[in-house]
Amino acid sequence: MTAYERCRVLLRFADLMERHNDEIAALESWDGGKPLEQSAGGEVPMAARCMRYYAGWADKIHGMVVPADGPHHVQVLREPIGVAGQIIPWNFPLLMFAWKVGPALACGNAVVLKTAEQTPLSALYVASLLHEAGLPDGVLNVVPGFGPTAGAALCSHMGVDKLAFTGSTGTGKIILELAARSNLKPVTLELGGKSPFIVMDDADVDQAVELAHRALFFNQGQCCCAGSRTFVHESVYDEFVEKSKARAQRRVVGDPFKKGVEQGPQIDGQQFKKILGYVKSGVDSGATLVTGGERVGSRGFYIQPTVFADVEDEMKIAQEEIFGPIQSILKFRYRQLAAK
């Protein structure tokens, strides 16, 4: 396909995504448990915009001419790398599809995409829309499966020329090793995080509470960039903690298909138990459980929005990525120490 043809396919695909917004959003919420309002109002439109962005790049990939001494002409051409192996996580399956598949197709590559075993539905559905938009058979291949089998096979395959992975740090290390042992294919990794959210002494506390709440609890706390360590200046600390408690208690947890629900279930039983284990760790290490810390109801993997105060930097809940609705609030006196 020419660059212009690739551009047209991605633009038609973006139009189809918007046309099928309701179906895609429902699959996204069925798969991962995120509120339908979030899927329909945010993630599908964002994925469509992402595809339009990369469509615009398809015919703007230029090489260069490098000055050279003597009777020489040095020209750099940028060509497709070949087959891109891509592994996406379960927390944002649709957006991850767009972020990885969009640029690979725009640059003229073939793609083998492995979905997370928990969330294959939206990727399979939108892949069919891509074919409807005019993508030839065999260019995009979606493979649901488990990491140790499908993922390992993809990473080790000699016919895969490039890998891109978003997920845990531990799995990222395994992928690097498998890529090196096979054909030394280049690897792009986006791994876990433990992002700080810093509230200074001159902050608008009400606004800071709301922003910190969204930064942590969005998508059930299942974001690699979640603001999971909230550093608050000692002069506003007590006020911030009390208002954070009140905001967490107002958060609506329940059926993700019901209007007004802010937080659905965690992705699966394993993650559910892991998060409750972090609650126990926080209590055992001496942090103050301000609110939450329990499951919601007797069915499903719902967890109360949880806030810890008096958290110290060496505690497990302040050091490890929780990937759940647990806010850890730490106190600081000097700005330089908070930033450090």
C-alpha atoms as a PDB file:
ATOM      1  CA  MET A   1       0.000   0.000   0.000  1.00  0.00           C
ATOM      2  CA  THR A   2       1.162   3.527  -0.700  1.00  0.00           C
ATOM      3  CA  ALA A   3       1.456   6.056   2.096  1.00  0.00           C
ATOM      4  CA  TYR A   4      -1.662   7.797   0.811  1.00  0.00           C
ATOM      5  CA  GLU A   5      -3.612   4.520   0.856  1.00  0.00           C
ATOM      6  CA  ARG A   6      -2.504   3.802   4.419  1.00  0.00           C
ATOM      7  CA  CYS A   7      -3.627   7.275   5.428  1.00  0.00           C
ATOM      8  CA  ARG A   8      -7.061   6.749   3.874  1.00  0.00           C
ATOM      9  CA  VAL A   9      -7.512   3.375   5.605  1.00  0.00           C
ATOM     10  CA  LEU A  10      -6.720   4.815   9.035  1.00  0.00           C
ATOM     11  CA  LEU A  11      -9.042   7.775   8.480  1.00  0.00           C
ATOM     12  CA  ARG A  12     -11.885   5.471   7.429  1.00  0.00           C
ATOM     13  CA  PHE A  13     -11.143   3.318  10.468  1.00  0.00           C
ATOM     14  CA  ALA A  14     -11.445   6.336  12.770  1.00  0.00           C
ATOM     15  CA  ASP A  15     -14.825   7.142  11.218  1.00  0.00           C
ATOM     16  CA  LEU A  16     -15.994   3.556  11.751  1.00  0.00           C
ATOM     17  CA  MET A  17     -14.907   3.622  15.379  1.00  0.00           C
ATOM     18  CA  GLU A  18     -17.019   6.703  16.003  1.00  0.00           C
ATOM     19  CA  ARG A  19     -19.945   5.159  14.135  1.00  0.00           C
ATOM     20  CA  HIS A  20     -19.719   2.048  16.333  1.00  0.00           C
ATOM     21  CA  ASN A  21     -19.008   3.951  19.543  1.00  0.00           C
ATOM     22  CA  ASP A  22     -21.742   2.259  21.569  1.00  0.00           C
ATOM     23  CA  GLU A  23     -20.731  -1.293  20.650  1.00  0.00           C
ATOM     24  CA  ILE A  24     -17.023  -0.686  21.261  1.00  0.00           C
ATOM     25  CA  ALA A  25     -17.670   1.067  24.576  1.00  0.00           C
ATOM     26  CA  ALA A  26     -19.887  -1.778  25.773  1.00  0.00           C
ATOM     27  CA  LEU A  27     -17.209  -4.353  24.923  1.00  0.00           C
ATOM     28  CA  GLU A  28     -14.576  -2.275  26.686  1.00  0.00           C
ATOM     29  CA  SER A  29     -16.691  -2.139  29.844  1.00  0.00           C
ATOM     30  CA  TRP A  30     -17.682  -5.808  29.683  1.00  0.00           C
ATOM     31  CA  ASP A  31     -14.034  -6.735  29.317  1.00  0.00           C
ATOM     32  CA  GLY A  32     -12.415  -4.592  31.985  1.00  0.00           C
ATOM     33  CA  GLY A  33     -15.188  -3.374  34.273  1.00  0.00           C
ATOM     34  CA  LYS A  34     -14.611   0.324  33.694  1.00  0.00           C
ATOM     35  CA  PRO A  35     -17.680   2.593  33.803  1.00  0.00           C
ATOM     36  CA  LEU A  36     -19.526   2.729  30.485  1.00  0.00           C
ATOM     37  CA  GLU A  37     -19.638   6.521  30.616  1.00  0.00           C
ATOM     38  CA  GLN A  38     -15.835   6.536  30.680  1.00  0.00           C
ATOM     39  CA  SER A  39     -15.568   4.094  27.777  1.00  0.00           C
ATOM     40  CA  ALA A  40     -18.155   5.813  25.583  1.00  0.00           C
ATOM     41  CA  GLY A  41     -17.321   9.415  26.400  1.00  0.00           C
ATOM     42  CA  GLY A  42     -13.562   9.151  26.650  1.00  0.00           C
ATOM     43  CA  GLU A  43     -11.766   6.116  25.358  1.00  0.00           C
ATOM     44  CA  VAL A  44     -13.497   5.490  22.033  1.00  0.00           C
ATOM     45  CA  PRO A  45     -13.271   9.162  20.949  1.00  0.00           C
ATOM     46  CA  MET A  46      -9.638   9.311  22.098  1.00  0.00           C
ATOM     47  CA  ALA A  47      -8.768   6.172  20.127  1.00  0.00           C
ATOM     48  CA  ALA A  48     -10.387   7.618  17.000  1.00  0.00           C
ATOM     49  CA  ARG A  49      -8.463  10.886  17.390  1.00  0.00           C
ATOM     50  CA  CYS A  50      -5.265   8.900  17.847  1.00  0.00           C
ATOM     51  CA  MET A  51      -5.852   7.047  14.584  1.00  0.00           C
ATOM     52  CA  ARG A  52      -6.442  10.319  12.727  1.00  0.00           C
ATOM     53  CA  TYR A  53      -3.196  11.681  14.139  1.00  0.00           C
ATOM     54  CA  TYR A  54      -1.167   8.731  12.884  1.00  0.00           C
ATOM     55  CA  ALA A  55      -2.997   8.740   9.562  1.00  0.00           C
ATOM     56  CA  GLY A  56      -1.575  12.215   9.021  1.00  0.00           C
ATOM     57  CA  TRP A  57       1.961  10.919   9.498  1.00  0.00           C
ATOM     58  CA  ALA A  58       1.732   8.191   6.851  1.00  0.00           C
ATOM     59  CA  ASP A  59       2.931  10.429   3.984  1.00  0.00           C
ATOM     60  CA  LYS A  60       5.283  12.595   6.057  1.00  0.00           C
ATOM     61  CA  ILE A  61       8.033  10.081   6.811  1.00  0.00           C
ATOM     62  CA  HIS A  62      11.108  11.597   5.200  1.00  0.00           C
ATOM     63  CA  GLY A  63      14.720  10.580   4.893  1.00  0.00           C
ATOM     64  CA  MET A  64      17.684  12.914   4.674  1.00  0.00           C
ATOM     65  CA  VAL A  65      20.735  13.760   2.622  1.00  0.00           C
ATOM     66  CA  VAL A  66      23.955  13.852   4.653  1.00  0.00           C
ATOM     67  CA  PRO A  67      26.843  16.127   3.528  1.00  0.00           C
ATOM     68  CA  ALA A  68      29.885  14.058   2.549  1.00  0.00           C
ATOM     69  CA  ASP A  69      33.431  14.849   1.424  1.00  0.00           C
ATOM     70  CA  GLY A  70      34.558  13.907  -2.048  1.00  0.00           C
ATOM     71  CA  PRO A  71      32.471  12.505  -4.886  1.00  0.00           C
ATOM     72  CA  HIS A  72      29.975  10.848  -2.595  1.00  0.00           C
ATOM     73  CA  HIS A  73      26.245  11.136  -2.088  1.00  0.00           C
ATOM     74  CA  VAL A  74      24.907   9.941   1.266  1.00  0.00           C
ATOM     75  CA  GLN A  75      21.165   9.459   1.436  1.00  0.00           C
ATOM     76  CA  VAL A  76      19.120   8.050   4.318  1.00  0.00           C
ATOM     77  CA  LEU A  77      15.830   6.330   3.505  1.00  0.00           C
ATOM     78  CA  ARG A  78      13.341   5.312   6.180  1.00  0.00           C
ATOM     79  CA  GLU A  79      11.695   1.985   5.438  1.00  0.00           C
ATOM     80  CA  PRO A  80       9.163  -0.170   7.315  1.00  0.00           C
ATOM     81  CA  ILE A  81      10.869  -2.385   9.861  1.00  0.00           C
ATOM     82  CA  GLY A  82       8.750  -5.408   8.871  1.00  0.00           C
ATOM     83  CA  VAL A  83       6.647  -7.346  11.364  1.00  0.00           C
ATOM     84  CA  ALA A  84       5.886  -5.555  14.614  1.00  0.00           C
ATOM     85  CA  GLY A  85       4.997  -7.761  17.563  1.00  0.00           C
ATOM     86  CA  GLN A  86       2.883  -5.875  20.078  1.00  0.00           C
ATOM     87  CA  ILE A  87       1.655  -6.906  23.530  1.00  0.00           C
ATOM     88  CA  ILE A  88      -0.950  -4.741  25.236  1.00  0.00           C
ATOM     89  CA  PRO A  89      -2.258  -4.752  28.828  1.00  0.00           C
ATOM     90  CA  TRP A  90      -5.747  -5.081  30.250  1.00  0.00           C
ATOM     91  CA  ASN A  91      -6.205  -1.648  31.830  1.00  0.00           C
ATOM     92  CA  PHE A  92      -6.709   0.352  28.597  1.00  0.00           C
ATOM     93  CA  PRO A  93      -7.067  -2.264  25.850  1.00  0.00           C
ATOM     94  CA  LEU A  94      -8.696  -0.007  23.252  1.00  0.00           C
ATOM     95  CA  LEU A  95      -6.354   2.944  23.706  1.00  0.00           C
ATOM     96  CA  MET A  96      -3.339   0.646  23.794  1.00  0.00           C
ATOM     97  CA  PHE A  97      -4.528  -0.879  20.525  1.00  0.00           C
ATOM     98  CA  ALA A  98      -4.660   2.591  18.968  1.00  0.00           C
ATOM     99  CA  TRP A  99      -1.333   3.749  20.392  1.00  0.00           C
ATOM    100  CA  LYS A 100       0.527   0.691  19.142  1.00  0.00           C
ATOM    101  CA  VAL A 101      -1.269  -0.356  15.963  1.00  0.00           C
ATOM    102  CA  GLY A 102      -1.756   3.176  14.590  1.00  0.00           C
ATOM    103  CA  PRO A 103       1.901   4.157  14.164  1.00  0.00           C
ATOM    104  CA  ALA A 104       2.961   0.683  13.036  1.00  0.00           C
ATOM    105  CA  LEU A 105       0.406   0.635  10.211  1.00  0.00           C
ATOM    106  CA  ALA A 106       1.033   4.261   9.262  1.00  0.00           C
ATOM    107  CA  CYS A 107       4.706   3.386   8.729  1.00  0.00           C
ATOM    108  CA  GLY A 108       3.861   0.413   6.522  1.00  0.00           C
ATOM    109  CA  ASN A 109       4.474  -2.478   8.910  1.00  0.00           C
ATOM    110  CA  ALA A 110       2.572  -5.697   9.474  1.00  0.00           C
ATOM    111  CA  VAL A 111       1.377  -6.266  13.048  1.00  0.00           C
ATOM    112  CA  VAL A 112       0.884  -9.274  15.300  1.00  0.00           C
ATOM    113  CA  LEU A 113      -0.928  -7.998  18.394  1.00  0.00           C
ATOM    114  CA  LYS A 114      -1.359 -10.085  21.538  1.00  0.00           C
ATOM    115  CA  THR A 115      -4.142  -8.884  23.796  1.00  0.00           C
ATOM    116  CA  ALA A 116      -4.238  -9.460  27.531  1.00  0.00           C
ATOM    117  CA  GLU A 117      -6.070 -12.695  28.302  1.00  0.00           C
ATOM    118  CA  GLN A 118      -8.597 -10.757  30.411  1.00  0.00           C
ATOM    119  CA  THR A 119      -9.559  -8.228  27.734  1.00  0.00           C
ATOM    120  CA  PRO A 120      -9.582  -9.519  24.133  1.00  0.00           C
ATOM    121  CA  LEU A 121     -13.019  -8.333  22.998  1.00  0.00           C
ATOM    122  CA  SER A 122     -12.577  -4.695  21.982  1.00  0.00           C
ATOM    123  CA  ALA A 123      -9.340  -5.394  20.081  1.00  0.00           C
ATOM    124  CA  LEU A 124     -10.947  -8.218  18.110  1.00  0.00           C
ATOM    125  CA  TYR A 125     -13.948  -6.065  17.265  1.00  0.00           C
ATOM    126  CA  VAL A 126     -12.025  -2.996  16.109  1.00  0.00           C
ATOM    127  CA  ALA A 127      -9.649  -5.216  14.109  1.00  0.00           C
ATOM    128  CA  SER A 128     -12.670  -6.288  12.067  1.00  0.00           C
ATOM    129  CA  LEU A 129     -13.491  -2.608  11.541  1.00  0.00           C
ATOM    130  CA  LEU A 130      -9.962  -2.016  10.263  1.00  0.00           C
ATOM    131  CA  HIS A 131     -10.488  -4.691   7.628  1.00  0.00           C
ATOM    132  CA  GLU A 132     -13.809  -3.076   6.765  1.00  0.00           C
ATOM    133  CA  ALA A 133     -11.896   0.183   6.306  1.00  0.00           C
ATOM    134  CA  GLY A 134      -9.755  -1.488   3.636  1.00  0.00           C
ATOM    135  CA  LEU A 135      -6.758  -2.989   5.418  1.00  0.00           C
ATOM    136  CA  PRO A 136      -5.602  -6.072   3.452  1.00  0.00           C
ATOM    137  CA  ASP A 137      -5.835  -9.515   5.012  1.00  0.00           C
ATOM    138  CA  GLY A 138      -2.789 -10.566   6.989  1.00  0.00           C
ATOM    139  CA  VAL A 139      -1.503  -7.076   7.745  1.00  0.00           C
ATOM    140  CA  LEU A 140      -3.059  -6.993  11.229  1.00  0.00           C
ATOM    141  CA  ASN A 141      -3.303 -10.199  13.240  1.00  0.00           C
ATOM    142  CA  VAL A 142      -4.881 -10.194  16.722  1.00  0.00           C
ATOM    143  CA  VAL A 143      -3.873 -13.129  18.926  1.00  0.00           C
ATOM    144  CA  PRO A 144      -5.584 -13.480  22.316  1.00  0.00           C
ATOM    145  CA  GLY A 145      -3.653 -15.632  24.722  1.00  0.00           C
ATOM    146  CA  PHE A 146      -1.638 -16.022  27.893  1.00  0.00           C
ATOM    147  CA  GLY A 147       1.774 -14.474  28.380  1.00  0.00           C
ATOM    148  CA  PRO A 148       3.823 -17.645  29.010  1.00  0.00           C
ATOM    149  CA  THR A 149       2.482 -19.242  25.820  1.00  0.00           C
ATOM    150  CA  ALA A 150       1.293 -16.753  23.186  1.00  0.00           C
ATOM    151  CA  GLY A 151       3.392 -13.879  24.511  1.00  0.00           C
ATOM    152  CA  ALA A 152       6.583 -15.901  24.789  1.00  0.00           C
ATOM    153  CA  ALA A 153       6.102 -17.343  21.299  1.00  0.00           C
ATOM    154  CA  LEU A 154       5.681 -13.867  19.836  1.00  0.00           C
ATOM    155  CA  CYS A 155       8.767 -12.513  21.619  1.00  0.00           C
ATOM    156  CA  SER A 156      10.924 -15.464  20.552  1.00  0.00           C
ATOM    157  CA  HIS A 157       9.778 -15.704  16.940  1.00  0.00           C
ATOM    158  CA  MET A 158      12.536 -15.157  14.400  1.00  0.00           C
ATOM    159  CA  GLY A 159      10.085 -13.613  11.952  1.00  0.00           C
ATOM    160  CA  VAL A 160       9.188 -10.744  14.274  1.00  0.00           C
ATOM    161  CA  ASP A 161      11.389  -7.700  13.656  1.00  0.00           C
ATOM    162  CA  LYS A 162      10.324  -5.376  16.490  1.00  0.00           C
ATOM    163  CA  LEU A 163       8.554  -5.702  19.847  1.00  0.00           C
ATOM    164  CA  ALA A 164       6.491  -3.191  21.802  1.00  0.00           C
ATOM    165  CA  PHE A 165       5.159  -4.033  25.251  1.00  0.00           C
ATOM    166  CA  THR A 166       3.164  -2.236  27.916  1.00  0.00           C
ATOM    167  CA  GLY A 167       2.826  -3.956  31.274  1.00  0.00           C
ATOM    168  CA  SER A 168       4.671  -4.870  34.439  1.00  0.00           C
ATOM    169  CA  THR A 169       8.374  -4.333  35.030  1.00  0.00           C
ATOM    170  CA  GLY A 170       8.912  -8.029  35.735  1.00  0.00           C
ATOM    171  CA  THR A 171       7.365  -9.090  32.441  1.00  0.00           C
ATOM    172  CA  GLY A 172       9.327  -6.410  30.614  1.00  0.00           C
ATOM    173  CA  LYS A 173      12.582  -7.985  31.799  1.00  0.00           C
ATOM    174  CA  ILE A 174      11.469 -11.378  30.491  1.00  0.00           C
ATOM    175  CA  ILE A 175      10.575  -9.882  27.111  1.00  0.00           C
ATOM    176  CA  LEU A 176      13.993  -8.247  26.784  1.00  0.00           C
ATOM    177  CA  GLU A 177      15.644 -11.592  27.469  1.00  0.00           C
ATOM    178  CA  LEU A 178      13.487 -13.480  24.952  1.00  0.00           C
ATOM    179  CA  ALA A 179      14.109 -10.840  22.287  1.00  0.00           C
ATOM    180  CA  ALA A 180      17.860 -11.018  22.848  1.00  0.00           C
ATOM    181  CA  ARG A 181      17.942 -14.813  22.726  1.00  0.00           C
ATOM    182  CA  SER A 182      16.107 -14.936  19.401  1.00  0.00           C
ATOM    183  CA  ASN A 183      17.145 -12.418  16.746  1.00  0.00           C
ATOM    184  CA  LEU A 184      18.148  -9.435  18.906  1.00  0.00           C
ATOM    185  CA  LYS A 185      14.985  -7.654  17.814  1.00  0.00           C
ATOM    186  CA  PRO A 186      14.652  -4.101  19.185  1.00  0.00           C
ATOM    187  CA  VAL A 187      12.194  -3.684  22.050  1.00  0.00           C
ATOM    188  CA  THR A 188      10.159  -0.715  23.248  1.00  0.00           C
ATOM    189  CA  LEU A 189       8.895  -0.983  26.829  1.00  0.00           C
ATOM    190  CA  GLU A 190       6.365   1.032  28.816  1.00  0.00           C
ATOM    191  CA  LEU A 191       6.417  -0.402  32.320  1.00  0.00           C
ATOM    192  CA  GLY A 192       5.067   0.281  35.803  1.00  0.00           C
ATOM    193  CA  GLY A 193       5.314   3.453  37.831  1.00  0.00           C
ATOM    194  CA  LYS A 194       4.836   5.023  41.240  1.00  0.00           C
ATOM    195  CA  SER A 195       4.024   8.609  40.357  1.00  0.00           C
ATOM    196  CA  PRO A 196       4.056  11.358  43.000  1.00  0.00           C
ATOM    197  CA  PHE A 197       1.383  14.031  43.394  1.00  0.00           C
ATOM    198  CA  ILE A 198       2.793  16.993  45.350  1.00  0.00           C
ATOM    199  CA  VAL A 199       0.593  19.512  47.190  1.00  0.00           C
ATOM    200  CA  MET A 200       2.426  22.672  48.296  1.00  0.00           C
ATOM    201  CA  ASP A 201       1.520  24.903  51.218  1.00  0.00           C
ATOM    202  CA  ASP A 202      -0.014  27.588  48.975  1.00  0.00           C
ATOM    203  CA  ALA A 203      -2.279  25.194  47.054  1.00  0.00           C
ATOM    204  CA  ASP A 204      -6.041  25.508  46.782  1.00  0.00           C
ATOM    205  CA  VAL A 205      -6.785  22.512  49.001  1.00  0.00           C
ATOM    206  CA  ASP A 206     -10.250  21.780  47.616  1.00  0.00           C
ATOM    207  CA  GLN A 207      -8.957  21.751  44.057  1.00  0.00           C
ATOM    208  CA  ALA A 208      -5.895  19.721  45.032  1.00  0.00           C
ATOM    209  CA  VAL A 209      -8.061  17.116  46.766  1.00  0.00           C
ATOM    210  CA  GLU A 210     -10.210  16.654  43.666  1.00  0.00           C
ATOM    211  CA  LEU A 211      -7.243  16.489  41.299  1.00  0.00           C
ATOM    212  CA  ALA A 212      -5.376  14.040  43.527  1.00  0.00           C
ATOM    213  CA  HIS A 213      -8.513  11.918  43.805  1.00  0.00           C
ATOM    214  CA  ARG A 214      -8.888  11.688  40.037  1.00  0.00           C
ATOM    215  CA  ALA A 215      -5.170  11.093  39.538  1.00  0.00           C
ATOM    216  CA  LEU A 216      -5.314   8.012  41.760  1.00  0.00           C
ATOM    217  CA  PHE A 217      -8.816   6.535  41.514  1.00  0.00           C
ATOM    218  CA  PHE A 218      -9.418   6.905  37.767  1.00  0.00           C
ATOM    219  CA  ASN A 219      -9.977   3.510  36.108  1.00  0.00           C
ATOM    220  CA  GLN A 220     -10.196   1.796  39.521  1.00  0.00           C
ATOM    221  CA  GLY A 221      -6.630   2.938  40.234  1.00  0.00           C
ATOM    222  CA  GLN A 222      -5.380   0.712  37.418  1.00  0.00           C
ATOM    223  CA  CYS A 223      -3.090   3.197  35.673  1.00  0.00           C
ATOM    224  CA  CYS A 224       0.687   2.981  35.394  1.00  0.00           C
ATOM    225  CA  CYS A 225       0.814   6.782  35.727  1.00  0.00           C
ATOM    226  CA  ALA A 226      -1.605   6.963  38.679  1.00  0.00           C
ATOM    227  CA  GLY A 227      -0.667   9.543  41.305  1.00  0.00           C
ATOM    228  CA  SER A 228      -0.356   6.851  43.935  1.00  0.00           C
ATOM    229  CA  ARG A 229       1.941   8.766  46.311  1.00  0.00           C
ATOM    230  CA  THR A 230       0.328  11.993  47.497  1.00  0.00           C
ATOM    231  CA  PHE A 231       2.895  14.278  49.168  1.00  0.00           C
ATOM    232  CA  VAL A 232       1.220  17.070  51.154  1.00  0.00           C
ATOM    233  CA  HIS A 233       2.867  19.994  52.958  1.00  0.00           C
ATOM    234  CA  GLU A 234       2.512  19.768  56.724  1.00  0.00           C
ATOM    235  CA  SER A 235       0.683  23.105  56.974  1.00  0.00           C
ATOM    236  CA  VAL A 236      -2.306  21.792  54.978  1.00  0.00           C
ATOM    237  CA  TYR A 237      -1.880  18.077  55.679  1.00  0.00           C
ATOM    238  CA  ASP A 238      -4.713  17.520  58.181  1.00  0.00           C
ATOM    239  CA  GLU A 239      -7.206  19.493  56.105  1.00  0.00           C
ATOM    240  CA  PHE A 240      -6.183  17.618  52.979  1.00  0.00           C
ATOM    241  CA  VAL A 241      -6.557  14.226  54.656  1.00  0.00           C
ATOM    242  CA  GLU A 242     -10.041  14.994  55.976  1.00  0.00           C
ATOM    243  CA  LYS A 243     -11.259  16.302  52.644  1.00  0.00           C
ATOM    244  CA  SER A 244      -9.701  13.354  50.804  1.00  0.00           C
ATOM    245  CA  LYS A 245     -11.564  11.027  53.152  1.00  0.00           C
ATOM    246  CA  ALA A 246     -14.854  12.780  52.410  1.00  0.00           C
ATOM    247  CA  ARG A 247     -14.224  12.680  48.649  1.00  0.00           C
ATOM    248  CA  ALA A 248     -13.368   8.972  48.719  1.00  0.00           C
ATOM    249  CA  GLN A 249     -16.535   8.231  50.668  1.00  0.00           C
ATOM    250  CA  ARG A 250     -18.603  10.070  48.043  1.00  0.00           C
ATOM    251  CA  ARG A 251     -17.138   8.024  45.209  1.00  0.00           C
ATOM    252  CA  VAL A 252     -19.836   5.869  43.614  1.00  0.00           C
ATOM    253  CA  VAL A 253     -18.794   2.216  43.298  1.00  0.00           C
ATOM    254  CA  GLY A 254     -20.980  -0.298  41.481  1.00  0.00           C
ATOM    255  CA  ASP A 255     -22.253  -1.741  38.213  1.00  0.00           C
ATOM    256  CA  PRO A 256     -20.209  -0.049  35.463  1.00  0.00           C
ATOM    257  CA  PHE A 257     -23.246   0.020  33.176  1.00  0.00           C
ATOM    258  CA  LYS A 258     -25.267   2.183  35.573  1.00  0.00           C
ATOM    259  CA  LYS A 259     -25.334   5.941  35.085  1.00  0.00           C
ATOM    260  CA  GLY A 260     -23.279   7.937  37.557  1.00  0.00           C
ATOM    261  CA  VAL A 261     -21.006   5.079  38.636  1.00  0.00           C
ATOM    262  CA  GLU A 262     -17.412   6.274  39.032  1.00  0.00           C
ATOM    263  CA  GLN A 263     -15.710   2.990  39.880  1.00  0.00           C
ATOM    264  CA  GLY A 264     -16.376  -0.525  38.667  1.00  0.00           C
ATOM    265  CA  PRO A 265     -14.763  -3.811  39.727  1.00  0.00           C
ATOM    266  CA  GLN A 266     -11.066  -4.616  39.641  1.00  0.00           C
ATOM    267  CA  ILE A 267      -9.978  -6.645  36.650  1.00  0.00           C
ATOM    268  CA  ASP A 268      -9.943 -10.124  38.240  1.00  0.00           C
ATOM    269  CA  GLY A 269      -9.706 -12.122  41.447  1.00  0.00           C
ATOM    270  CA  GLN A 270      -5.920 -12.182  41.470  1.00  0.00           C
ATOM    271  CA  GLN A 271      -5.654  -8.405  41.325  1.00  0.00           C
ATOM    272  CA  PHE A 272      -8.491  -8.074  43.853  1.00  0.00           C
ATOM    273  CA  LYS A 273      -6.619 -10.194  46.405  1.00  0.00           C
ATOM    274  CA  LYS A 274      -3.350  -8.403  45.700  1.00  0.00           C
ATOM    275  CA  ILE A 275      -4.900  -4.998  46.418  1.00  0.00           C
ATOM    276  CA  LEU A 276      -6.454  -6.164  49.687  1.00  0.00           C
ATOM    277  CA  GLY A 277      -3.025  -7.532  50.576  1.00  0.00           C
ATOM    278  CA  TYR A 278      -1.612  -4.030  50.220  1.00  0.00           C
ATOM    279  CA  VAL A 279      -4.332  -2.739  52.546  1.00  0.00           C
ATOM    280  CA  LYS A 280      -3.207  -5.235  55.173  1.00  0.00           C
ATOM    281  CA  SER A 281       0.414  -4.270  54.602  1.00  0.00           C
ATOM    282  CA  GLY A 282      -0.392  -0.598  55.138  1.00  0.00           C
ATOM    283  CA  VAL A 283      -2.180  -1.289  58.408  1.00  0.00           C
ATOM    284  CA  ASP A 284       0.534  -3.668  59.620  1.00  0.00           C
ATOM    285  CA  SER A 285       3.290  -1.149  58.861  1.00  0.00           C
ATOM    286  CA  GLY A 286       1.649   1.566  60.956  1.00  0.00           C
ATOM    287  CA  ALA A 287      -0.133   3.751  58.410  1.00  0.00           C
ATOM    288  CA  THR A 288      -3.524   5.143  59.436  1.00  0.00           C
ATOM    289  CA  LEU A 289      -6.441   3.664  57.490  1.00  0.00           C
ATOM    290  CA  VAL A 290      -8.606   6.756  57.120  1.00  0.00           C
ATOM    291  CA  THR A 291     -11.394   5.169  55.083  1.00  0.00           C
ATOM    292  CA  GLY A 292     -12.156   2.105  52.966  1.00  0.00           C
ATOM    293  CA  GLY A 293     -10.017  -0.988  52.885  1.00  0.00           C
ATOM    294  CA  GLU A 294     -12.842  -3.513  52.448  1.00  0.00           C
ATOM    295  CA  ARG A 295     -14.627  -5.176  49.563  1.00  0.00           C
ATOM    296  CA  VAL A 296     -17.942  -3.714  48.431  1.00  0.00           C
ATOM    297  CA  GLY A 297     -20.789  -6.227  48.643  1.00  0.00           C
ATOM    298  CA  SER A 298     -20.419  -9.981  48.562  1.00  0.00           C
ATOM    299  CA  ARG A 299     -20.167 -10.501  44.792  1.00  0.00           C
ATOM    300  CA  GLY A 300     -17.674  -9.250  42.249  1.00  0.00           C
ATOM    301  CA  PHE A 301     -14.248  -7.705  42.679  1.00  0.00           C
ATOM    302  CA  TYR A 302     -15.337  -4.337  44.048  1.00  0.00           C
ATOM    303  CA  ILE A 303     -13.100  -2.526  46.559  1.00  0.00           C
ATOM    304  CA  GLN A 304     -13.913   0.531  48.651  1.00  0.00           C
ATOM    305  CA  PRO A 305     -11.981   3.680  47.721  1.00  0.00           C
ATOM    306  CA  THR A 306      -9.217   3.582  50.319  1.00  0.00           C
ATOM    307  CA  VAL A 307      -7.175   6.387  51.882  1.00  0.00           C
ATOM    308  CA  PHE A 308      -4.102   5.950  54.084  1.00  0.00           C
ATOM    309  CA  ALA A 309      -2.558   8.781  56.129  1.00  0.00           C
ATOM    310  CA  ASP A 310       0.693   8.888  58.108  1.00  0.00           C
ATOM    311  CA  VAL A 311       2.411   6.943  55.363  1.00  0.00           C
ATOM    312  CA  GLU A 312       6.207   6.792  55.529  1.00  0.00           C
ATOM    313  CA  ASP A 313       8.384   6.588  52.454  1.00  0.00           C
ATOM    314  CA  GLU A 314       9.872   3.199  53.340  1.00  0.00           C
ATOM    315  CA  MET A 315       6.474   1.489  53.647  1.00  0.00           C
ATOM    316  CA  LYS A 316       5.495  -1.068  51.034  1.00  0.00           C
ATOM    317  CA  ILE A 317       2.410   0.915  50.012  1.00  0.00           C
ATOM    318  CA  ALA A 318       4.664   3.904  49.267  1.00  0.00           C
ATOM    319  CA  GLN A 319       7.267   1.919  47.347  1.00  0.00           C
ATOM    320  CA  GLU A 320       5.421  -0.644  45.224  1.00  0.00           C
ATOM    321  CA  GLU A 321       2.922  -0.166  42.432  1.00  0.00           C
ATOM    322  CA  ILE A 322      -0.473  -1.171  43.851  1.00  0.00           C
ATOM    323  CA  PHE A 323      -2.602  -0.781  40.710  1.00  0.00           C
ATOM    324  CA  GLY A 324      -5.763  -0.300  42.729  1.00  0.00           C
ATOM    325  CA  PRO A 325      -7.910   2.309  44.523  1.00  0.00           C
ATOM    326  CA  ILE A 326      -5.533   3.018  47.422  1.00  0.00           C
ATOM    327  CA  GLN A 327      -4.331   6.565  48.079  1.00  0.00           C
ATOM    328  CA  SER A 328      -1.220   6.923  50.243  1.00  0.00           C
ATOM    329  CA  ILE A 329      -0.800  10.412  51.739  1.00  0.00           C
ATOM    330  CA  LEU A 330       2.665  11.389  52.954  1.00  0.00           C
ATOM    331  CA  LYS A 331       3.634  14.543  54.877  1.00  0.00           C
ATOM    332  CA  PHE A 332       6.580  16.794  54.055  1.00  0.00           C
ATOM    333  CA  ARG A 333       8.043  20.028  55.414  1.00  0.00           C
ATOM    334  CA  TYR A 334      10.613  21.143  52.840  1.00  0.00           C
ATOM    335  CA  ARG A 335       9.856  21.414  49.140  1.00  0.00           C
ATOM    336  CA  GLN A 336      13.275  20.152  48.128  1.00  0.00           C
ATOM    337  CA  LEU A 337      12.787  16.913  50.066  1.00  0.00           C
ATOM    338  CA  ALA A 338       9.356  16.326  48.520  1.00  0.00           C
ATOM    339  CA  ALA A 339      10.730  16.810  45.020  1.00  0.00           C
ATOM    340  CA  LYS A 340      13.679  14.544  45.751  1.00  0.00           C
END
